[in-house]
Amino acid sequence: MLVLSPFTFDQQQLNLLHYNQIEVVLVREKEIAAESLRAGNKRRALIALRQKKYQETLLSQTDSQLETLQKLVRLLSHFLDASILCSCVRRESVKAR
């Protein structure tokens, strides 16, 4: 899930671009492994599959990090909203005196 806040929109576009690039690499590694097996090069096929696995692990870790960052952004946003609300309430109570 992507957070739609103005200051992270460019970052989200970059993340989507990065995801697309990793997906292209995953597909290509799978193709290389299949081509290598057809050509009888088992060693090259195994290397391609290991590289594919590595890219999948990177993608999973990136997903996890993005979720954590999005939670932090939401928490900070909520904290700032609450802080602004408290300061407004304080100003109003001072004016009422």
PDB file of N, CA and C in Angstrom:
ATOM      1  N   MET A   1       0.838  -1.176   0.000  1.00  0.00           N
ATOM      2  CA  MET A   1       0.000   0.000   0.000  1.00  0.00           C
ATOM      3  C   MET A   1       0.885   1.242   0.000  1.00  0.00           C
ATOM      4  N   LEU A   2       0.610   2.188  -0.895  1.00  0.00           N
ATOM      5  CA  LEU A   2       1.411   3.389  -0.993  1.00  0.00           C
ATOM      6  C   LEU A   2       0.731   4.530  -0.252  1.00  0.00           C
ATOM      7  N   VAL A   3       1.517   5.271   0.489  1.00  0.00           N
ATOM      8  CA  VAL A   3       1.012   6.440   1.208  1.00  0.00           C
ATOM      9  C   VAL A   3       0.964   7.597   0.226  1.00  0.00           C
ATOM     10  N   LEU A   4      -0.172   8.271   0.129  1.00  0.00           N
ATOM     11  CA  LEU A   4      -0.310   9.367  -0.809  1.00  0.00           C
ATOM     12  C   LEU A   4      -0.162  10.706  -0.104  1.00  0.00           C
ATOM     13  N   SER A   5       1.045  11.071   0.186  1.00  0.00           N
ATOM     14  CA  SER A   5       1.315  12.379   0.749  1.00  0.00           C
ATOM     15  C   SER A   5       2.235  13.118  -0.220  1.00  0.00           C
ATOM     16  N   PRO A   6       2.118  14.433  -0.295  1.00  0.00           N
ATOM     17  CA  PRO A   6       2.839  15.186  -1.322  1.00  0.00           C
ATOM     18  C   PRO A   6       4.356  15.021  -1.280  1.00  0.00           C
ATOM     19  N   PHE A   7       4.942  14.940  -0.086  1.00  0.00           N
ATOM     20  CA  PHE A   7       6.394  14.896  -0.017  1.00  0.00           C
ATOM     21  C   PHE A   7       6.971  13.526  -0.330  1.00  0.00           C
ATOM     22  N   THR A   8       6.158  12.508  -0.462  1.00  0.00           N
ATOM     23  CA  THR A   8       6.685  11.180  -0.785  1.00  0.00           C
ATOM     24  C   THR A   8       6.282  10.716  -2.181  1.00  0.00           C
ATOM     25  N   PHE A   9       5.540  11.539  -2.925  1.00  0.00           N
ATOM     26  CA  PHE A   9       5.058  11.121  -4.234  1.00  0.00           C
ATOM     27  C   PHE A   9       6.207  10.790  -5.181  1.00  0.00           C
ATOM     28  N   ASP A  10       7.229  11.644  -5.250  1.00  0.00           N
ATOM     29  CA  ASP A  10       8.382  11.385  -6.113  1.00  0.00           C
ATOM     30  C   ASP A  10       9.111  10.120  -5.685  1.00  0.00           C
ATOM     31  N   GLN A  11       9.226   9.917  -4.383  1.00  0.00           N
ATOM     32  CA  GLN A  11       9.889   8.718  -3.874  1.00  0.00           C
ATOM     33  C   GLN A  11       9.100   7.475  -4.266  1.00  0.00           C
ATOM     34  N   GLN A  12       7.779   7.567  -4.226  1.00  0.00           N
ATOM     35  CA  GLN A  12       6.947   6.426  -4.596  1.00  0.00           C
ATOM     36  C   GLN A  12       7.106   6.103  -6.079  1.00  0.00           C
ATOM     37  N   GLN A  13       7.198   7.130  -6.901  1.00  0.00           N
ATOM     38  CA  GLN A  13       7.414   6.891  -8.323  1.00  0.00           C
ATOM     39  C   GLN A  13       8.752   6.197  -8.554  1.00  0.00           C
ATOM     40  N   LEU A  14       9.780   6.630  -7.833  1.00  0.00           N
ATOM     41  CA  LEU A  14      11.092   5.983  -7.953  1.00  0.00           C
ATOM     42  C   LEU A  14      11.030   4.537  -7.482  1.00  0.00           C
ATOM     43  N   ASN A  15      10.291   4.280  -6.398  1.00  0.00           N
ATOM     44  CA  ASN A  15      10.156   2.914  -5.896  1.00  0.00           C
ATOM     45  C   ASN A  15       9.460   2.028  -6.916  1.00  0.00           C
ATOM     46  N   LEU A  16       8.403   2.535  -7.549  1.00  0.00           N
ATOM     47  CA  LEU A  16       7.702   1.757  -8.565  1.00  0.00           C
ATOM     48  C   LEU A  16       8.617   1.464  -9.750  1.00  0.00           C
ATOM     49  N   LEU A  17       9.403   2.446 -10.142  1.00  0.00           N
ATOM     50  CA  LEU A  17      10.353   2.252 -11.235  1.00  0.00           C
ATOM     51  C   LEU A  17      11.370   1.180 -10.855  1.00  0.00           C
ATOM     52  N   HIS A  18      11.869   1.242  -9.626  1.00  0.00           N
ATOM     53  CA  HIS A  18      12.835   0.254  -9.143  1.00  0.00           C
ATOM     54  C   HIS A  18      12.206  -1.144  -9.118  1.00  0.00           C
ATOM     55  N   TYR A  19      10.953  -1.243  -8.651  1.00  0.00           N
ATOM     56  CA  TYR A  19      10.245  -2.527  -8.640  1.00  0.00           C
ATOM     57  C   TYR A  19      10.156  -3.090 -10.049  1.00  0.00           C
ATOM     58  N   ASN A  20       9.788  -2.241 -11.008  1.00  0.00           N
ATOM     59  CA  ASN A  20       9.659  -2.696 -12.389  1.00  0.00           C
ATOM     60  C   ASN A  20      10.994  -3.203 -12.914  1.00  0.00           C
ATOM     61  N   GLN A  21      12.072  -2.516 -12.577  1.00  0.00           N
ATOM     62  CA  GLN A  21      13.398  -2.947 -13.021  1.00  0.00           C
ATOM     63  C   GLN A  21      13.758  -4.302 -12.418  1.00  0.00           C
ATOM     64  N   ILE A  22      13.462  -4.502 -11.146  1.00  0.00           N
ATOM     65  CA  ILE A  22      13.765  -5.777 -10.497  1.00  0.00           C
ATOM     66  C   ILE A  22      12.928  -6.892 -11.118  1.00  0.00           C
ATOM     67  N   GLU A  23      11.661  -6.606 -11.420  1.00  0.00           N
ATOM     68  CA  GLU A  23      10.810  -7.619 -12.043  1.00  0.00           C
ATOM     69  C   GLU A  23      11.348  -8.017 -13.417  1.00  0.00           C
ATOM     70  N   VAL A  24      11.850  -7.044 -14.171  1.00  0.00           N
ATOM     71  CA  VAL A  24      12.450  -7.333 -15.479  1.00  0.00           C
ATOM     72  C   VAL A  24      13.669  -8.233 -15.298  1.00  0.00           C
ATOM     73  N   VAL A  25      14.492  -7.939 -14.296  1.00  0.00           N
ATOM     74  CA  VAL A  25      15.680  -8.752 -14.020  1.00  0.00           C
ATOM     75  C   VAL A  25      15.262 -10.176 -13.650  1.00  0.00           C
ATOM     76  N   LEU A  26      14.211 -10.310 -12.833  1.00  0.00           N
ATOM     77  CA  LEU A  26      13.742 -11.648 -12.441  1.00  0.00           C
ATOM     78  C   LEU A  26      13.317 -12.469 -13.651  1.00  0.00           C
ATOM     79  N   VAL A  27      12.559 -11.842 -14.531  1.00  0.00           N
ATOM     80  CA  VAL A  27      12.103 -12.544 -15.741  1.00  0.00           C
ATOM     81  C   VAL A  27      13.305 -12.932 -16.601  1.00  0.00           C
ATOM     82  N   ARG A  28      14.234 -12.012 -16.764  1.00  0.00           N
ATOM     83  CA  ARG A  28      15.404 -12.290 -17.597  1.00  0.00           C
ATOM     84  C   ARG A  28      16.265 -13.407 -17.007  1.00  0.00           C
ATOM     85  N   GLU A  29      16.457 -13.422 -15.694  1.00  0.00           N
ATOM     86  CA  GLU A  29      17.243 -14.489 -15.062  1.00  0.00           C
ATOM     87  C   GLU A  29      16.590 -15.853 -15.289  1.00  0.00           C
ATOM     88  N   LYS A  30      15.268 -15.882 -15.224  1.00  0.00           N
ATOM     89  CA  LYS A  30      14.554 -17.146 -15.466  1.00  0.00           C
ATOM     90  C   LYS A  30      14.751 -17.594 -16.917  1.00  0.00           C
ATOM     91  N   GLU A  31      14.704 -16.642 -17.842  1.00  0.00           N
ATOM     92  CA  GLU A  31      14.931 -16.960 -19.258  1.00  0.00           C
ATOM     93  C   GLU A  31      16.349 -17.476 -19.479  1.00  0.00           C
ATOM     94  N   ILE A  32      17.313 -16.826 -18.839  1.00  0.00           N
ATOM     95  CA  ILE A  32      18.714 -17.256 -18.972  1.00  0.00           C
ATOM     96  C   ILE A  32      18.892 -18.677 -18.450  1.00  0.00           C
ATOM     97  N   ALA A  33      18.247 -18.967 -17.327  1.00  0.00           N
ATOM     98  CA  ALA A  33      18.352 -20.323 -16.760  1.00  0.00           C
ATOM     99  C   ALA A  33      17.771 -21.353 -17.730  1.00  0.00           C
ATOM    100  N   ALA A  34      16.614 -21.050 -18.313  1.00  0.00           N
ATOM    101  CA  ALA A  34      15.991 -21.988 -19.254  1.00  0.00           C
ATOM    102  C   ALA A  34      16.852 -22.166 -20.500  1.00  0.00           C
ATOM    103  N   GLU A  35      17.370 -21.057 -21.035  1.00  0.00           N
ATOM    104  CA  GLU A  35      18.225 -21.141 -22.221  1.00  0.00           C
ATOM    105  C   GLU A  35      19.498 -21.946 -21.930  1.00  0.00           C
ATOM    106  N   SER A  36      20.062 -21.724 -20.760  1.00  0.00           N
ATOM    107  CA  SER A  36      21.291 -22.438 -20.385  1.00  0.00           C
ATOM    108  C   SER A  36      21.045 -23.929 -20.252  1.00  0.00           C
ATOM    109  N   LEU A  37      19.895 -24.295 -19.664  1.00  0.00           N
ATOM    110  CA  LEU A  37      19.569 -25.727 -19.557  1.00  0.00           C
ATOM    111  C   LEU A  37      19.391 -26.356 -20.927  1.00  0.00           C
ATOM    112  N   ARG A  38      18.704 -25.643 -21.821  1.00  0.00           N
ATOM    113  CA  ARG A  38      18.517 -26.169 -23.181  1.00  0.00           C
ATOM    114  C   ARG A  38      19.858 -26.353 -23.889  1.00  0.00           C
ATOM    115  N   ALA A  39      20.804 -25.461 -23.597  1.00  0.00           N
ATOM    116  CA  ALA A  39      22.127 -25.540 -24.227  1.00  0.00           C
ATOM    117  C   ALA A  39      23.037 -26.538 -23.508  1.00  0.00           C
ATOM    118  N   GLY A  40      22.544 -27.102 -22.397  1.00  0.00           N
ATOM    119  CA  GLY A  40      23.325 -28.085 -21.663  1.00  0.00           C
ATOM    120  C   GLY A  40      24.295 -27.482 -20.659  1.00  0.00           C
ATOM    121  N   ASN A  41      24.148 -26.210 -20.364  1.00  0.00           N
ATOM    122  CA  ASN A  41      25.057 -25.536 -19.429  1.00  0.00           C
ATOM    123  C   ASN A  41      24.373 -25.434 -18.060  1.00  0.00           C
ATOM    124  N   LYS A  42      24.448 -26.531 -17.317  1.00  0.00           N
ATOM    125  CA  LYS A  42      23.773 -26.609 -16.024  1.00  0.00           C
ATOM    126  C   LYS A  42      24.355 -25.603 -15.023  1.00  0.00           C
ATOM    127  N   ARG A  43      25.662 -25.414 -15.062  1.00  0.00           N
ATOM    128  CA  ARG A  43      26.318 -24.487 -14.123  1.00  0.00           C
ATOM    129  C   ARG A  43      25.792 -23.066 -14.306  1.00  0.00           C
ATOM    130  N   ARG A  44      25.695 -22.612 -15.550  1.00  0.00           N
ATOM    131  CA  ARG A  44      25.202 -21.263 -15.840  1.00  0.00           C
ATOM    132  C   ARG A  44      23.737 -21.128 -15.428  1.00  0.00           C
ATOM    133  N   ALA A  45      22.958 -22.183 -15.612  1.00  0.00           N
ATOM    134  CA  ALA A  45      21.545 -22.161 -15.215  1.00  0.00           C
ATOM    135  C   ALA A  45      21.417 -22.005 -13.707  1.00  0.00           C
ATOM    136  N   LEU A  46      22.255 -22.725 -12.960  1.00  0.00           N
ATOM    137  CA  LEU A  46      22.224 -22.609 -11.494  1.00  0.00           C
ATOM    138  C   LEU A  46      22.618 -21.208 -11.029  1.00  0.00           C
ATOM    139  N   ILE A  47      23.609 -20.625 -11.699  1.00  0.00           N
ATOM    140  CA  ILE A  47      24.030 -19.262 -11.351  1.00  0.00           C
ATOM    141  C   ILE A  47      22.880 -18.280 -11.598  1.00  0.00           C
ATOM    142  N   ALA A  48      22.208 -18.433 -12.719  1.00  0.00           N
ATOM    143  CA  ALA A  48      21.083 -17.543 -13.043  1.00  0.00           C
ATOM    144  C   ALA A  48      19.964 -17.698 -12.012  1.00  0.00           C
ATOM    145  N   LEU A  49      19.692 -18.922 -11.589  1.00  0.00           N
ATOM    146  CA  LEU A  49      18.643 -19.143 -10.585  1.00  0.00           C
ATOM    147  C   LEU A  49      19.048 -18.573  -9.223  1.00  0.00           C
ATOM    148  N   ARG A  50      20.332 -18.662  -8.891  1.00  0.00           N
ATOM    149  CA  ARG A  50      20.802 -18.049  -7.634  1.00  0.00           C
ATOM    150  C   ARG A  50      20.647 -16.527  -7.684  1.00  0.00           C
ATOM    151  N   GLN A  51      20.985 -15.956  -8.817  1.00  0.00           N
ATOM    152  CA  GLN A  51      20.839 -14.504  -8.972  1.00  0.00           C
ATOM    153  C   GLN A  51      19.362 -14.103  -8.891  1.00  0.00           C
ATOM    154  N   LYS A  52      18.509 -14.915  -9.459  1.00  0.00           N
ATOM    155  CA  LYS A  52      17.065 -14.657  -9.391  1.00  0.00           C
ATOM    156  C   LYS A  52      16.599 -14.714  -7.936  1.00  0.00           C
ATOM    157  N   LYS A  53      17.049 -15.700  -7.209  1.00  0.00           N
ATOM    158  CA  LYS A  53      16.696 -15.835  -5.795  1.00  0.00           C
ATOM    159  C   LYS A  53      17.179 -14.622  -5.002  1.00  0.00           C
ATOM    160  N   TYR A  54      18.376 -14.149  -5.290  1.00  0.00           N
ATOM    161  CA  TYR A  54      18.932 -12.980  -4.622  1.00  0.00           C
ATOM    162  C   TYR A  54      18.058 -11.748  -4.884  1.00  0.00           C
ATOM    163  N   GLN A  55      17.647 -11.560  -6.136  1.00  0.00           N
ATOM    164  CA  GLN A  55      16.787 -10.424  -6.491  1.00  0.00           C
ATOM    165  C   GLN A  55      15.437 -10.523  -5.764  1.00  0.00           C
ATOM    166  N   GLU A  56      14.898 -11.743  -5.666  1.00  0.00           N
ATOM    167  CA  GLU A  56      13.634 -11.931  -4.945  1.00  0.00           C
ATOM    168  C   GLU A  56      13.786 -11.578  -3.468  1.00  0.00           C
ATOM    169  N   THR A  57      14.925 -11.956  -2.893  1.00  0.00           N
ATOM    170  CA  THR A  57      15.198 -11.623  -1.491  1.00  0.00           C
ATOM    171  C   THR A  57      15.307 -10.114  -1.313  1.00  0.00           C
ATOM    172  N   LEU A  58      15.995  -9.451  -2.237  1.00  0.00           N
ATOM    173  CA  LEU A  58      16.104  -7.990  -2.185  1.00  0.00           C
ATOM    174  C   LEU A  58      14.729  -7.331  -2.270  1.00  0.00           C
ATOM    175  N   LEU A  59      13.904  -7.838  -3.150  1.00  0.00           N
ATOM    176  CA  LEU A  59      12.556  -7.295  -3.321  1.00  0.00           C
ATOM    177  C   LEU A  59      11.744  -7.463  -2.044  1.00  0.00           C
ATOM    178  N   SER A  60      11.861  -8.612  -1.421  1.00  0.00           N
ATOM    179  CA  SER A  60      11.147  -8.874  -0.174  1.00  0.00           C
ATOM    180  C   SER A  60      11.629  -7.943   0.937  1.00  0.00           C
ATOM    181  N   GLN A  61      12.940  -7.772   1.046  1.00  0.00           N
ATOM    182  CA  GLN A  61      13.494  -6.880   2.066  1.00  0.00           C
ATOM    183  C   GLN A  61      13.077  -5.436   1.817  1.00  0.00           C
ATOM    184  N   THR A  62      13.068  -5.038   0.566  1.00  0.00           N
ATOM    185  CA  THR A  62      12.655  -3.676   0.210  1.00  0.00           C
ATOM    186  C   THR A  62      11.199  -3.452   0.567  1.00  0.00           C
ATOM    187  N   ASP A  63      10.356  -4.445   0.284  1.00  0.00           N
ATOM    188  CA  ASP A  63       8.938  -4.354   0.661  1.00  0.00           C
ATOM    189  C   ASP A  63       8.785  -4.142   2.157  1.00  0.00           C
ATOM    190  N   SER A  64       9.524  -4.914   2.915  1.00  0.00           N
ATOM    191  CA  SER A  64       9.463  -4.825   4.373  1.00  0.00           C
ATOM    192  C   SER A  64       9.917  -3.449   4.860  1.00  0.00           C
ATOM    193  N   GLN A  65      10.997  -2.959   4.301  1.00  0.00           N
ATOM    194  CA  GLN A  65      11.504  -1.639   4.684  1.00  0.00           C
ATOM    195  C   GLN A  65      10.518  -0.539   4.308  1.00  0.00           C
ATOM    196  N   LEU A  66       9.906  -0.649   3.134  1.00  0.00           N
ATOM    197  CA  LEU A  66       8.922   0.344   2.711  1.00  0.00           C
ATOM    198  C   LEU A  66       7.714   0.359   3.639  1.00  0.00           C
ATOM    199  N   GLU A  67       7.254  -0.814   4.037  1.00  0.00           N
ATOM    200  CA  GLU A  67       6.127  -0.881   4.971  1.00  0.00           C
ATOM    201  C   GLU A  67       6.478  -0.197   6.285  1.00  0.00           C
ATOM    202  N   THR A  68       7.684  -0.454   6.784  1.00  0.00           N
ATOM    203  CA  THR A  68       8.129   0.162   8.035  1.00  0.00           C
ATOM    204  C   THR A  68       8.188   1.678   7.900  1.00  0.00           C
ATOM    205  N   LEU A  69       8.751   2.157   6.793  1.00  0.00           N
ATOM    206  CA  LEU A  69       8.845   3.596   6.575  1.00  0.00           C
ATOM    207  C   LEU A  69       7.462   4.242   6.440  1.00  0.00           C
ATOM    208  N   GLN A  70       6.555   3.556   5.770  1.00  0.00           N
ATOM    209  CA  GLN A  70       5.209   4.095   5.611  1.00  0.00           C
ATOM    210  C   GLN A  70       4.489   4.172   6.954  1.00  0.00           C
ATOM    211  N   LYS A  71       4.705   3.176   7.799  1.00  0.00           N
ATOM    212  CA  LYS A  71       4.118   3.218   9.142  1.00  0.00           C
ATOM    213  C   LYS A  71       4.670   4.394   9.933  1.00  0.00           C
ATOM    214  N   LEU A  72       5.987   4.617   9.815  1.00  0.00           N
ATOM    215  CA  LEU A  72       6.610   5.741  10.524  1.00  0.00           C
ATOM    216  C   LEU A  72       6.078   7.083  10.014  1.00  0.00           C
ATOM    217  N   VAL A  73       5.900   7.198   8.710  1.00  0.00           N
ATOM    218  CA  VAL A  73       5.364   8.436   8.135  1.00  0.00           C
ATOM    219  C   VAL A  73       3.955   8.685   8.646  1.00  0.00           C
ATOM    220  N   ARG A  74       3.135   7.636   8.659  1.00  0.00           N
ATOM    221  CA  ARG A  74       1.760   7.787   9.174  1.00  0.00           C
ATOM    222  C   ARG A  74       1.777   8.176  10.644  1.00  0.00           C
ATOM    223  N   LEU A  75       2.656   7.550  11.431  1.00  0.00           N
ATOM    224  CA  LEU A  75       2.757   7.852  12.859  1.00  0.00           C
ATOM    225  C   LEU A  75       3.199   9.300  13.083  1.00  0.00           C
ATOM    226  N   LEU A  76       4.209   9.739  12.340  1.00  0.00           N
ATOM    227  CA  LEU A  76       4.672  11.118  12.458  1.00  0.00           C
ATOM    228  C   LEU A  76       3.598  12.106  12.018  1.00  0.00           C
ATOM    229  N   SER A  77       2.904  11.784  10.965  1.00  0.00           N
ATOM    230  CA  SER A  77       1.826  12.645  10.493  1.00  0.00           C
ATOM    231  C   SER A  77       0.742  12.766  11.556  1.00  0.00           C
ATOM    232  N   HIS A  78       0.386  11.643  12.149  1.00  0.00           N
ATOM    233  CA  HIS A  78      -0.622  11.648  13.209  1.00  0.00           C
ATOM    234  C   HIS A  78      -0.132  12.464  14.404  1.00  0.00           C
ATOM    235  N   PHE A  79       1.143  12.289  14.769  1.00  0.00           N
ATOM    236  CA  PHE A  79       1.718  13.023  15.885  1.00  0.00           C
ATOM    237  C   PHE A  79       1.704  14.527  15.614  1.00  0.00           C
ATOM    238  N   LEU A  80       2.080  14.917  14.396  1.00  0.00           N
ATOM    239  CA  LEU A  80       2.077  16.337  14.044  1.00  0.00           C
ATOM    240  C   LEU A  80       0.666  16.918  14.070  1.00  0.00           C
ATOM    241  N   ASP A  81      -0.305  16.160  13.550  1.00  0.00           N
ATOM    242  CA  ASP A  81      -1.703  16.611  13.588  1.00  0.00           C
ATOM    243  C   ASP A  81      -2.163  16.814  15.028  1.00  0.00           C
ATOM    244  N   ALA A  82      -1.828  15.863  15.896  1.00  0.00           N
ATOM    245  CA  ALA A  82      -2.220  15.955  17.303  1.00  0.00           C
ATOM    246  C   ALA A  82      -1.523  17.132  17.974  1.00  0.00           C
ATOM    247  N   SER A  83      -0.269  17.349  17.641  1.00  0.00           N
ATOM    248  CA  SER A  83       0.494  18.455  18.216  1.00  0.00           C
ATOM    249  C   SER A  83      -0.100  19.797  17.801  1.00  0.00           C
ATOM    250  N   ILE A  84      -0.445  19.929  16.529  1.00  0.00           N
ATOM    251  CA  ILE A  84      -1.062  21.162  16.029  1.00  0.00           C
ATOM    252  C   ILE A  84      -2.405  21.394  16.700  1.00  0.00           C
ATOM    253  N   LEU A  85      -3.189  20.338  16.854  1.00  0.00           N
ATOM    254  CA  LEU A  85      -4.485  20.445  17.510  1.00  0.00           C
ATOM    255  C   LEU A  85      -4.325  20.903  18.956  1.00  0.00           C
ATOM    256  N   CYS A  86      -3.354  20.330  19.659  1.00  0.00           N
ATOM    257  CA  CYS A  86      -3.115  20.728  21.055  1.00  0.00           C
ATOM    258  C   CYS A  86      -2.711  22.194  21.156  1.00  0.00           C
ATOM    259  N   SER A  87      -1.848  22.644  20.239  1.00  0.00           N
ATOM    260  CA  SER A  87      -1.416  24.043  20.295  1.00  0.00           C
ATOM    261  C   SER A  87      -2.571  24.978  19.983  1.00  0.00           C
ATOM    262  N   CYS A  88      -3.471  24.574  19.093  1.00  0.00           N
ATOM    263  CA  CYS A  88      -4.651  25.395  18.796  1.00  0.00           C
ATOM    264  C   CYS A  88      -5.569  25.472  20.014  1.00  0.00           C
ATOM    265  N   VAL A  89      -5.753  24.369  20.686  1.00  0.00           N
ATOM    266  CA  VAL A  89      -6.603  24.334  21.882  1.00  0.00           C
ATOM    267  C   VAL A  89      -5.996  25.218  22.965  1.00  0.00           C
ATOM    268  N   ARG A  90      -4.681  25.163  23.116  1.00  0.00           N
ATOM    269  CA  ARG A  90      -4.019  26.004  24.123  1.00  0.00           C
ATOM    270  C   ARG A  90      -4.210  27.487  23.803  1.00  0.00           C
ATOM    271  N   ARG A  91      -4.056  27.854  22.542  1.00  0.00           N
ATOM    272  CA  ARG A  91      -4.240  29.252  22.145  1.00  0.00           C
ATOM    273  C   ARG A  91      -5.667  29.720  22.434  1.00  0.00           C
ATOM    274  N   GLU A  92      -6.626  28.870  22.123  1.00  0.00           N
ATOM    275  CA  GLU A  92      -8.016  29.215  22.376  1.00  0.00           C
ATOM    276  C   GLU A  92      -8.297  29.379  23.863  1.00  0.00           C
ATOM    277  N   SER A  93      -7.689  28.511  24.694  1.00  0.00           N
ATOM    278  CA  SER A  93      -7.918  28.621  26.136  1.00  0.00           C
ATOM    279  C   SER A  93      -7.252  29.870  26.698  1.00  0.00           C
ATOM    280  N   VAL A  94      -6.116  30.296  26.130  1.00  0.00           N
ATOM    281  CA  VAL A  94      -5.449  31.526  26.571  1.00  0.00           C
ATOM    282  C   VAL A  94      -6.290  32.742  26.172  1.00  0.00           C
ATOM    283  N   LYS A  95      -6.852  32.704  24.941  1.00  0.00           N
ATOM    284  CA  LYS A  95      -7.698  33.799  24.476  1.00  0.00           C
ATOM    285  C   LYS A  95      -8.962  33.929  25.334  1.00  0.00           C
ATOM    286  N   ALA A  96      -9.485  32.813  25.804  1.00  0.00           N
ATOM    287  CA  ALA A  96     -10.717  32.804  26.589  1.00  0.00           C
ATOM    288  C   ALA A  96     -10.512  33.440  27.959  1.00  0.00           C
ATOM    289  N   ARG A  97      -9.311  33.463  28.443  1.00  0.00           N
ATOM    290  CA  ARG A  97      -9.029  34.029  29.767  1.00  0.00           C
ATOM    291  C   ARG A  97      -9.084  35.493  29.692  1.00  0.00           C
TER     292      ARG A  97
END
